[in-house]
N, C-alpha and C. Protein backbone atom coordinates (compact mmCIF):
# COMPACT_ATOMS: atom_id res chain seq x y z
N UNK A 1 95.10 24.00 -18.42
CA UNK A 1 93.90 24.57 -18.98
C UNK A 1 92.78 23.55 -18.83
N UNK A 2 91.63 24.05 -18.41
CA UNK A 2 90.50 23.18 -18.20
C UNK A 2 89.66 23.10 -19.47
N UNK A 3 89.01 21.89 -19.69
CA UNK A 3 88.09 21.71 -20.82
C UNK A 3 86.74 22.35 -20.53
N UNK A 4 85.93 22.45 -21.50
CA UNK A 4 84.64 23.15 -21.35
C UNK A 4 83.69 22.42 -20.40
N UNK A 5 83.89 21.10 -20.22
CA UNK A 5 82.97 20.37 -19.35
C UNK A 5 83.60 20.03 -18.00
N UNK A 6 84.84 20.40 -17.76
CA UNK A 6 85.45 20.10 -16.47
C UNK A 6 84.87 21.02 -15.42
N UNK A 7 84.57 20.45 -14.35
CA UNK A 7 84.00 21.22 -13.25
C UNK A 7 82.49 21.23 -13.26
N UNK A 8 81.87 20.76 -14.34
CA UNK A 8 80.41 20.69 -14.40
C UNK A 8 79.96 19.40 -13.77
N UNK A 9 78.82 19.45 -13.12
CA UNK A 9 78.27 18.25 -12.53
C UNK A 9 77.79 17.33 -13.66
N UNK A 10 78.01 16.03 -13.50
CA UNK A 10 77.57 15.10 -14.54
C UNK A 10 76.07 15.16 -14.78
N UNK A 11 75.28 15.42 -13.78
CA UNK A 11 73.82 15.45 -13.96
C UNK A 11 73.41 16.65 -14.81
N UNK A 12 74.06 17.77 -14.65
CA UNK A 12 73.76 18.96 -15.45
C UNK A 12 74.18 18.72 -16.89
N UNK A 13 75.33 18.11 -17.07
CA UNK A 13 75.82 17.80 -18.41
C UNK A 13 74.88 16.82 -19.10
N UNK A 14 74.43 15.82 -18.38
CA UNK A 14 73.50 14.83 -18.93
C UNK A 14 72.15 15.47 -19.27
N UNK A 15 71.69 16.36 -18.43
CA UNK A 15 70.43 17.05 -18.68
C UNK A 15 70.56 17.94 -19.91
N UNK A 16 71.68 18.61 -20.06
CA UNK A 16 71.90 19.46 -21.23
C UNK A 16 71.92 18.65 -22.52
N UNK A 17 72.61 17.52 -22.48
CA UNK A 17 72.64 16.66 -23.66
C UNK A 17 71.25 16.11 -23.99
N UNK A 18 70.47 15.78 -22.98
CA UNK A 18 69.11 15.27 -23.19
C UNK A 18 68.23 16.34 -23.86
N UNK A 19 68.37 17.60 -23.38
CA UNK A 19 67.60 18.69 -23.98
C UNK A 19 68.02 18.89 -25.44
N UNK A 20 69.33 18.89 -25.69
CA UNK A 20 69.83 19.05 -27.05
C UNK A 20 69.33 17.93 -27.95
N UNK A 21 69.36 16.70 -27.46
CA UNK A 21 68.87 15.56 -28.23
C UNK A 21 67.36 15.69 -28.49
N UNK A 22 66.61 16.14 -27.50
CA UNK A 22 65.16 16.32 -27.64
C UNK A 22 64.83 17.36 -28.69
N UNK A 23 65.55 18.49 -28.65
CA UNK A 23 65.32 19.56 -29.63
C UNK A 23 65.67 19.07 -31.03
N UNK A 24 66.80 18.38 -31.18
CA UNK A 24 67.21 17.87 -32.49
C UNK A 24 66.20 16.85 -33.00
N UNK A 25 65.75 15.95 -32.12
CA UNK A 25 64.75 14.95 -32.51
C UNK A 25 63.45 15.61 -32.92
N UNK A 26 63.05 16.63 -32.18
CA UNK A 26 61.82 17.36 -32.51
C UNK A 26 61.91 18.04 -33.86
N UNK A 27 63.06 18.64 -34.16
CA UNK A 27 63.25 19.28 -35.45
C UNK A 27 63.20 18.27 -36.59
N UNK A 28 63.87 17.14 -36.41
CA UNK A 28 63.87 16.10 -37.44
C UNK A 28 62.44 15.58 -37.65
N UNK A 29 61.72 15.34 -36.55
CA UNK A 29 60.34 14.85 -36.65
C UNK A 29 59.46 15.91 -37.32
N UNK A 30 59.64 17.17 -36.99
CA UNK A 30 58.87 18.25 -37.61
C UNK A 30 59.09 18.33 -39.10
N UNK A 31 60.34 18.24 -39.51
CA UNK A 31 60.65 18.26 -40.95
C UNK A 31 60.03 17.06 -41.64
N UNK A 32 60.09 15.89 -41.03
CA UNK A 32 59.50 14.68 -41.63
C UNK A 32 57.99 14.81 -41.75
N UNK A 33 57.35 15.32 -40.71
CA UNK A 33 55.88 15.51 -40.76
C UNK A 33 55.52 16.54 -41.82
N UNK A 34 56.26 17.63 -41.90
CA UNK A 34 55.98 18.66 -42.91
C UNK A 34 56.16 18.10 -44.32
N UNK A 35 57.21 17.33 -44.54
CA UNK A 35 57.43 16.74 -45.86
C UNK A 35 56.31 15.76 -46.21
N UNK A 36 55.86 14.97 -45.24
CA UNK A 36 54.76 14.04 -45.47
C UNK A 36 53.47 14.80 -45.75
N UNK A 37 53.25 15.87 -45.03
CA UNK A 37 52.06 16.70 -45.23
C UNK A 37 52.06 17.29 -46.64
N UNK A 38 53.19 17.81 -47.06
CA UNK A 38 53.31 18.40 -48.39
C UNK A 38 53.08 17.36 -49.47
N UNK A 39 53.65 16.17 -49.30
CA UNK A 39 53.46 15.09 -50.29
C UNK A 39 52.01 14.64 -50.32
N UNK A 40 51.38 14.55 -49.17
CA UNK A 40 49.96 14.15 -49.11
C UNK A 40 49.09 15.18 -49.82
N UNK A 41 49.37 16.45 -49.60
CA UNK A 41 48.63 17.50 -50.30
C UNK A 41 48.81 17.41 -51.81
N UNK A 42 50.03 17.15 -52.25
CA UNK A 42 50.31 17.04 -53.69
C UNK A 42 49.54 15.87 -54.29
N UNK A 43 49.57 14.70 -53.61
CA UNK A 43 48.86 13.52 -54.11
C UNK A 43 47.34 13.73 -54.11
N UNK A 44 46.85 14.39 -53.07
CA UNK A 44 45.41 14.66 -52.98
C UNK A 44 44.96 15.62 -54.08
N UNK A 45 45.78 16.63 -54.35
CA UNK A 45 45.47 17.57 -55.42
C UNK A 45 45.46 16.86 -56.77
N UNK A 46 46.43 15.99 -57.01
CA UNK A 46 46.48 15.25 -58.28
C UNK A 46 45.27 14.33 -58.42
N UNK A 47 44.88 13.66 -57.34
CA UNK A 47 43.71 12.78 -57.38
C UNK A 47 42.43 13.58 -57.62
N UNK A 48 42.34 14.75 -57.01
CA UNK A 48 41.17 15.61 -57.20
C UNK A 48 41.08 16.10 -58.64
N UNK A 49 42.21 16.47 -59.22
CA UNK A 49 42.22 16.90 -60.61
C UNK A 49 41.83 15.76 -61.54
N UNK A 50 42.31 14.55 -61.27
CA UNK A 50 41.92 13.39 -62.07
C UNK A 50 40.42 13.13 -61.98
N UNK A 51 39.89 13.23 -60.78
CA UNK A 51 38.46 13.02 -60.57
C UNK A 51 37.64 14.10 -61.27
N UNK A 52 38.10 15.33 -61.22
CA UNK A 52 37.40 16.42 -61.90
C UNK A 52 37.40 16.21 -63.41
N UNK A 53 38.53 15.75 -63.96
CA UNK A 53 38.59 15.46 -65.40
C UNK A 53 37.64 14.33 -65.77
N UNK A 54 37.60 13.30 -64.92
CA UNK A 54 36.70 12.18 -65.16
C UNK A 54 35.25 12.61 -65.12
N UNK A 55 34.91 13.43 -64.14
CA UNK A 55 33.54 13.93 -64.02
C UNK A 55 33.17 14.81 -65.22
N UNK A 56 34.10 15.64 -65.64
CA UNK A 56 33.86 16.50 -66.81
C UNK A 56 33.64 15.65 -68.06
N UNK A 57 34.46 14.63 -68.23
CA UNK A 57 34.31 13.74 -69.39
C UNK A 57 32.97 13.01 -69.35
N UNK A 58 32.58 12.55 -68.16
CA UNK A 58 31.29 11.86 -68.03
C UNK A 58 30.14 12.81 -68.34
N UNK A 59 30.23 14.04 -67.84
CA UNK A 59 29.17 15.02 -68.11
C UNK A 59 29.08 15.31 -69.61
N UNK A 60 30.23 15.48 -70.27
CA UNK A 60 30.22 15.72 -71.72
C UNK A 60 29.59 14.54 -72.46
N UNK A 61 29.95 13.32 -72.07
CA UNK A 61 29.38 12.14 -72.73
C UNK A 61 27.88 12.05 -72.50
N UNK A 62 27.45 12.37 -71.29
CA UNK A 62 26.02 12.32 -70.98
C UNK A 62 25.26 13.35 -71.82
N UNK A 63 25.79 14.55 -71.90
CA UNK A 63 25.14 15.60 -72.69
C UNK A 63 25.15 15.23 -74.16
N UNK A 64 26.27 14.72 -74.67
CA UNK A 64 26.34 14.29 -76.07
C UNK A 64 25.34 13.18 -76.35
N UNK A 65 25.23 12.21 -75.43
CA UNK A 65 24.28 11.11 -75.61
C UNK A 65 22.85 11.62 -75.62
N UNK A 66 22.54 12.55 -74.73
CA UNK A 66 21.19 13.12 -74.70
C UNK A 66 20.89 13.86 -75.99
N UNK A 67 21.85 14.64 -76.47
CA UNK A 67 21.65 15.35 -77.73
C UNK A 67 21.48 14.38 -78.89
N UNK A 68 22.26 13.31 -78.89
CA UNK A 68 22.14 12.31 -79.95
C UNK A 68 20.76 11.66 -79.92
N UNK A 69 20.24 11.37 -78.73
CA UNK A 69 18.91 10.79 -78.63
C UNK A 69 17.85 11.73 -79.19
N UNK A 70 17.99 13.00 -78.86
CA UNK A 70 17.03 13.99 -79.37
C UNK A 70 17.15 14.10 -80.89
N UNK A 71 18.38 14.08 -81.41
CA UNK A 71 18.59 14.13 -82.86
C UNK A 71 17.93 12.94 -83.54
N UNK A 72 18.12 11.75 -82.96
CA UNK A 72 17.51 10.55 -83.54
C UNK A 72 15.99 10.65 -83.51
N UNK A 73 15.45 11.20 -82.43
CA UNK A 73 14.02 11.37 -82.33
C UNK A 73 13.53 12.40 -83.34
N UNK A 74 14.29 13.47 -83.50
CA UNK A 74 13.92 14.51 -84.46
C UNK A 74 13.97 14.00 -85.88
N UNK A 75 14.90 13.09 -86.17
CA UNK A 75 15.02 12.53 -87.52
C UNK A 75 13.79 11.72 -87.92
N UNK A 76 13.01 11.29 -86.96
CA UNK A 76 11.82 10.51 -87.24
C UNK A 76 10.66 11.39 -87.67
N UNK A 77 10.89 12.69 -87.78
CA UNK A 77 9.81 13.60 -88.12
C UNK A 77 9.16 14.09 -86.85
N UNK A 78 7.90 14.40 -86.90
CA UNK A 78 7.20 14.85 -85.69
C UNK A 78 6.75 13.64 -84.92
N UNK A 79 7.55 13.19 -83.96
CA UNK A 79 7.26 11.93 -83.28
C UNK A 79 6.13 12.06 -82.27
N UNK A 80 5.03 11.45 -82.56
CA UNK A 80 3.92 11.39 -81.61
C UNK A 80 3.55 9.93 -81.41
N UNK A 81 3.09 9.29 -82.47
CA UNK A 81 2.66 7.90 -82.37
C UNK A 81 3.88 7.00 -82.23
N UNK A 82 3.85 6.11 -81.28
CA UNK A 82 4.94 5.16 -81.08
C UNK A 82 6.20 5.78 -80.50
N UNK A 83 6.10 7.02 -80.04
CA UNK A 83 7.29 7.70 -79.53
C UNK A 83 7.81 7.03 -78.26
N UNK A 84 6.90 6.60 -77.39
CA UNK A 84 7.35 6.02 -76.13
C UNK A 84 8.15 4.75 -76.35
N UNK A 85 7.70 3.88 -77.25
CA UNK A 85 8.43 2.64 -77.53
C UNK A 85 9.80 2.94 -78.14
N UNK A 86 9.83 3.88 -79.06
CA UNK A 86 11.11 4.25 -79.69
C UNK A 86 12.06 4.85 -78.67
N UNK A 87 11.54 5.70 -77.79
CA UNK A 87 12.37 6.33 -76.78
C UNK A 87 12.86 5.30 -75.76
N UNK A 88 12.02 4.35 -75.39
CA UNK A 88 12.42 3.30 -74.44
C UNK A 88 13.55 2.47 -75.03
N UNK A 89 13.47 2.16 -76.33
CA UNK A 89 14.54 1.41 -76.99
C UNK A 89 15.84 2.21 -76.99
N UNK A 90 15.76 3.51 -77.23
CA UNK A 90 16.95 4.36 -77.22
C UNK A 90 17.55 4.42 -75.81
N UNK A 91 16.68 4.51 -74.80
CA UNK A 91 17.14 4.64 -73.43
C UNK A 91 17.88 3.39 -72.97
N UNK A 92 17.49 2.22 -73.47
CA UNK A 92 18.18 0.98 -73.10
C UNK A 92 19.62 0.99 -73.56
N UNK A 93 19.89 1.67 -74.65
CA UNK A 93 21.26 1.75 -75.17
C UNK A 93 22.09 2.83 -74.51
N UNK A 94 21.50 3.56 -73.58
CA UNK A 94 22.22 4.65 -72.91
C UNK A 94 21.95 4.58 -71.41
N UNK A 95 22.62 3.66 -70.70
CA UNK A 95 22.32 3.47 -69.27
C UNK A 95 22.65 4.67 -68.39
N UNK A 96 23.45 5.61 -68.86
CA UNK A 96 23.78 6.77 -68.06
C UNK A 96 22.71 7.86 -68.15
N UNK A 97 21.69 7.65 -68.98
CA UNK A 97 20.56 8.57 -69.04
C UNK A 97 19.44 7.99 -68.19
N UNK A 98 18.79 8.82 -67.39
CA UNK A 98 17.75 8.30 -66.50
C UNK A 98 16.39 8.23 -67.19
N UNK A 99 16.10 9.13 -68.10
CA UNK A 99 14.81 9.11 -68.77
C UNK A 99 14.86 10.03 -69.98
N UNK A 100 13.91 9.87 -70.86
CA UNK A 100 13.72 10.76 -72.01
C UNK A 100 12.27 11.19 -72.01
N UNK A 101 12.04 12.49 -72.13
CA UNK A 101 10.68 13.02 -72.22
C UNK A 101 10.50 13.68 -73.57
N UNK A 102 9.30 13.59 -74.10
CA UNK A 102 8.92 14.33 -75.29
C UNK A 102 7.77 15.23 -74.89
N UNK A 103 7.95 16.53 -75.07
CA UNK A 103 6.93 17.51 -74.68
C UNK A 103 6.38 18.19 -75.92
N UNK A 104 5.14 18.66 -75.82
CA UNK A 104 4.59 19.44 -76.93
C UNK A 104 5.02 20.89 -76.76
N UNK A 105 4.59 21.75 -77.67
CA UNK A 105 5.01 23.16 -77.67
C UNK A 105 4.55 23.89 -76.42
N UNK A 106 3.51 23.38 -75.76
CA UNK A 106 3.00 24.03 -74.54
C UNK A 106 3.69 23.53 -73.28
N UNK A 107 4.54 22.51 -73.42
CA UNK A 107 5.26 21.97 -72.27
C UNK A 107 4.57 20.79 -71.61
N UNK A 108 3.57 20.23 -72.27
CA UNK A 108 2.88 19.06 -71.73
C UNK A 108 3.57 17.79 -72.20
N UNK A 109 3.62 16.80 -71.33
CA UNK A 109 4.28 15.53 -71.62
C UNK A 109 3.50 14.75 -72.67
N UNK A 110 4.18 14.38 -73.76
CA UNK A 110 3.59 13.56 -74.81
C UNK A 110 4.01 12.11 -74.61
N UNK A 111 5.31 11.91 -74.31
CA UNK A 111 5.83 10.56 -74.13
C UNK A 111 6.96 10.58 -73.10
N UNK A 112 7.05 9.48 -72.37
CA UNK A 112 8.07 9.29 -71.34
C UNK A 112 8.66 7.91 -71.57
N UNK A 113 9.96 7.82 -71.81
CA UNK A 113 10.59 6.53 -72.15
C UNK A 113 10.40 5.47 -71.07
N UNK A 114 10.47 5.87 -69.82
CA UNK A 114 10.29 4.89 -68.74
C UNK A 114 8.83 4.68 -68.36
N UNK A 115 7.97 5.60 -68.79
CA UNK A 115 6.55 5.46 -68.51
C UNK A 115 6.15 5.74 -67.08
N UNK A 116 6.94 6.52 -66.35
CA UNK A 116 6.62 6.80 -64.94
C UNK A 116 5.89 8.13 -64.76
N UNK A 117 6.07 9.06 -65.67
CA UNK A 117 5.42 10.36 -65.55
C UNK A 117 4.02 10.28 -66.16
N UNK A 118 3.12 11.05 -65.60
CA UNK A 118 1.74 11.05 -66.09
C UNK A 118 1.67 11.78 -67.43
N UNK A 119 1.03 11.14 -68.41
CA UNK A 119 0.88 11.75 -69.72
C UNK A 119 0.09 13.05 -69.56
N UNK A 120 0.56 14.10 -70.17
CA UNK A 120 -0.09 15.40 -70.08
C UNK A 120 0.45 16.25 -68.94
N UNK A 121 1.37 15.69 -68.13
CA UNK A 121 1.97 16.48 -67.05
C UNK A 121 2.64 17.72 -67.65
N UNK A 122 2.57 18.82 -66.93
CA UNK A 122 3.10 20.07 -67.46
C UNK A 122 4.50 20.36 -66.92
N UNK A 123 5.35 20.75 -67.85
CA UNK A 123 6.71 21.19 -67.51
C UNK A 123 6.87 22.67 -67.88
N UNK A 124 5.74 23.35 -68.10
CA UNK A 124 5.75 24.72 -68.59
C UNK A 124 6.46 25.70 -67.66
N UNK A 125 6.56 25.36 -66.37
CA UNK A 125 7.20 26.27 -65.42
C UNK A 125 8.71 26.13 -65.37
N UNK A 126 9.26 25.18 -66.08
CA UNK A 126 10.71 24.94 -66.02
C UNK A 126 11.46 25.99 -66.85
N UNK A 127 12.56 26.47 -66.28
CA UNK A 127 13.34 27.52 -66.94
C UNK A 127 13.90 27.06 -68.28
N UNK A 128 14.32 25.79 -68.37
CA UNK A 128 14.88 25.29 -69.62
C UNK A 128 13.84 25.28 -70.73
N UNK A 129 12.57 24.99 -70.39
CA UNK A 129 11.51 25.01 -71.40
C UNK A 129 11.21 26.44 -71.82
N UNK A 130 11.22 27.35 -70.87
CA UNK A 130 10.98 28.76 -71.20
C UNK A 130 12.05 29.27 -72.16
N UNK A 131 13.29 28.85 -71.93
CA UNK A 131 14.39 29.25 -72.83
C UNK A 131 14.14 28.74 -74.23
N UNK A 132 13.74 27.48 -74.35
CA UNK A 132 13.49 26.89 -75.67
C UNK A 132 12.27 27.52 -76.33
N UNK A 133 11.24 27.79 -75.56
CA UNK A 133 10.03 28.39 -76.11
C UNK A 133 10.29 29.80 -76.60
N UNK A 134 11.28 30.47 -76.01
CA UNK A 134 11.62 31.84 -76.41
C UNK A 134 12.50 31.84 -77.66
N UNK A 135 12.72 30.66 -78.24
CA UNK A 135 13.50 30.60 -79.47
C UNK A 135 14.91 30.08 -79.28
N UNK A 136 15.22 29.58 -78.10
CA UNK A 136 16.56 29.05 -77.85
C UNK A 136 16.91 27.90 -78.78
N UNK A 137 18.12 27.87 -79.22
CA UNK A 137 18.58 26.81 -80.12
C UNK A 137 19.69 26.01 -79.43
N UNK A 138 19.89 24.82 -79.87
CA UNK A 138 20.92 23.97 -79.28
C UNK A 138 20.44 23.40 -77.97
N UNK A 139 21.34 22.81 -77.24
CA UNK A 139 21.00 22.17 -75.99
C UNK A 139 20.93 23.20 -74.87
N UNK A 140 19.94 23.04 -74.00
CA UNK A 140 19.81 23.84 -72.80
C UNK A 140 20.00 22.89 -71.63
N UNK A 141 20.91 23.22 -70.75
CA UNK A 141 21.23 22.34 -69.62
C UNK A 141 20.71 22.99 -68.34
N UNK A 142 19.86 22.25 -67.65
CA UNK A 142 19.27 22.75 -66.41
C UNK A 142 20.21 22.48 -65.24
N UNK A 143 20.05 23.22 -64.16
CA UNK A 143 20.85 22.95 -62.96
C UNK A 143 20.52 21.57 -62.38
N UNK A 144 21.44 21.04 -61.62
CA UNK A 144 21.23 19.74 -60.97
C UNK A 144 20.13 19.88 -59.93
N UNK A 145 19.24 18.88 -59.92
CA UNK A 145 18.13 18.86 -58.95
C UNK A 145 17.84 17.42 -58.56
N UNK A 146 17.18 17.25 -57.43
CA UNK A 146 16.81 15.91 -56.97
C UNK A 146 15.60 15.44 -57.77
N UNK A 147 15.69 14.24 -58.33
CA UNK A 147 14.64 13.65 -59.14
C UNK A 147 13.93 12.59 -58.31
N UNK A 148 12.69 12.87 -57.94
CA UNK A 148 11.93 11.93 -57.10
C UNK A 148 11.72 10.58 -57.80
N UNK A 149 11.46 10.61 -59.11
CA UNK A 149 11.17 9.35 -59.80
C UNK A 149 12.40 8.46 -59.88
N UNK A 150 13.58 9.07 -60.07
CA UNK A 150 14.81 8.29 -60.15
C UNK A 150 15.51 8.15 -58.83
N UNK A 151 15.02 8.88 -57.82
CA UNK A 151 15.60 8.88 -56.47
C UNK A 151 17.09 9.18 -56.47
N UNK A 152 17.42 10.22 -57.18
CA UNK A 152 18.81 10.64 -57.24
C UNK A 152 18.89 12.03 -57.86
N UNK A 153 20.08 12.56 -57.93
CA UNK A 153 20.27 13.87 -58.52
C UNK A 153 20.49 13.73 -60.01
N UNK A 154 19.91 14.64 -60.76
CA UNK A 154 20.07 14.62 -62.22
C UNK A 154 19.93 16.04 -62.75
N UNK A 155 20.20 16.19 -64.01
CA UNK A 155 20.00 17.48 -64.66
C UNK A 155 19.37 17.22 -66.02
N UNK A 156 18.56 18.16 -66.45
CA UNK A 156 17.88 18.02 -67.73
C UNK A 156 18.75 18.58 -68.84
N UNK A 157 18.77 17.87 -69.95
CA UNK A 157 19.38 18.37 -71.18
C UNK A 157 18.23 18.44 -72.17
N UNK A 158 17.85 19.65 -72.54
CA UNK A 158 16.68 19.84 -73.39
C UNK A 158 17.09 20.46 -74.72
N UNK A 159 16.34 20.07 -75.74
CA UNK A 159 16.59 20.62 -77.08
C UNK A 159 15.27 20.74 -77.78
N UNK A 160 15.13 21.77 -78.52
CA UNK A 160 13.91 22.03 -79.27
C UNK A 160 13.92 21.21 -80.56
N UNK A 161 12.78 20.59 -80.87
CA UNK A 161 12.62 19.87 -82.13
C UNK A 161 11.57 20.62 -82.94
N UNK A 162 12.01 21.19 -84.04
CA UNK A 162 11.07 21.90 -84.92
C UNK A 162 10.61 20.96 -86.02
N UNK A 163 9.35 21.05 -86.35
CA UNK A 163 8.82 20.26 -87.45
C UNK A 163 9.21 20.86 -88.79
N UNK A 164 8.91 20.16 -89.86
CA UNK A 164 9.26 20.65 -91.18
C UNK A 164 8.51 21.94 -91.51
N UNK A 165 7.38 22.17 -90.83
CA UNK A 165 6.61 23.39 -91.05
C UNK A 165 7.10 24.54 -90.17
N UNK A 166 8.17 24.30 -89.39
CA UNK A 166 8.76 25.34 -88.54
C UNK A 166 8.13 25.43 -87.17
N UNK A 167 7.11 24.66 -86.93
CA UNK A 167 6.45 24.71 -85.61
C UNK A 167 7.16 23.81 -84.62
């Protein structure tokens, strides 16, 4: 009785084994690449989730700090005189805030903590001010926009300050 490889030319047998080895090596390499790809996706997703949580926490802290600054300003009564100096001192303690503005009921700038905006500049066209003027309460957060004065992207956190007379 003859064996399965008797009578076959050695070159054909060698070529067959080479093809079998190539296919097996390709499958092993494919599985290894797929496993690495899957692990890389998992690690990237975890890193993205961590970054999103960090960004969310930073945004919450920034909004809380802005609200606290407005509360402190509101506690001073109707801040007009000396508001810029007081706001500049507050801004130094909050490096993640780019600026603090105090506007009158018409939307004109009364004070600017950094002193870069022109006094009397109008913000009346801003949606966040319109919301507050319409009786909005609490913090109003504007969409992110490019800030020419700070040369970066920022968003406004605005809050209405009512005087003791309700105005």
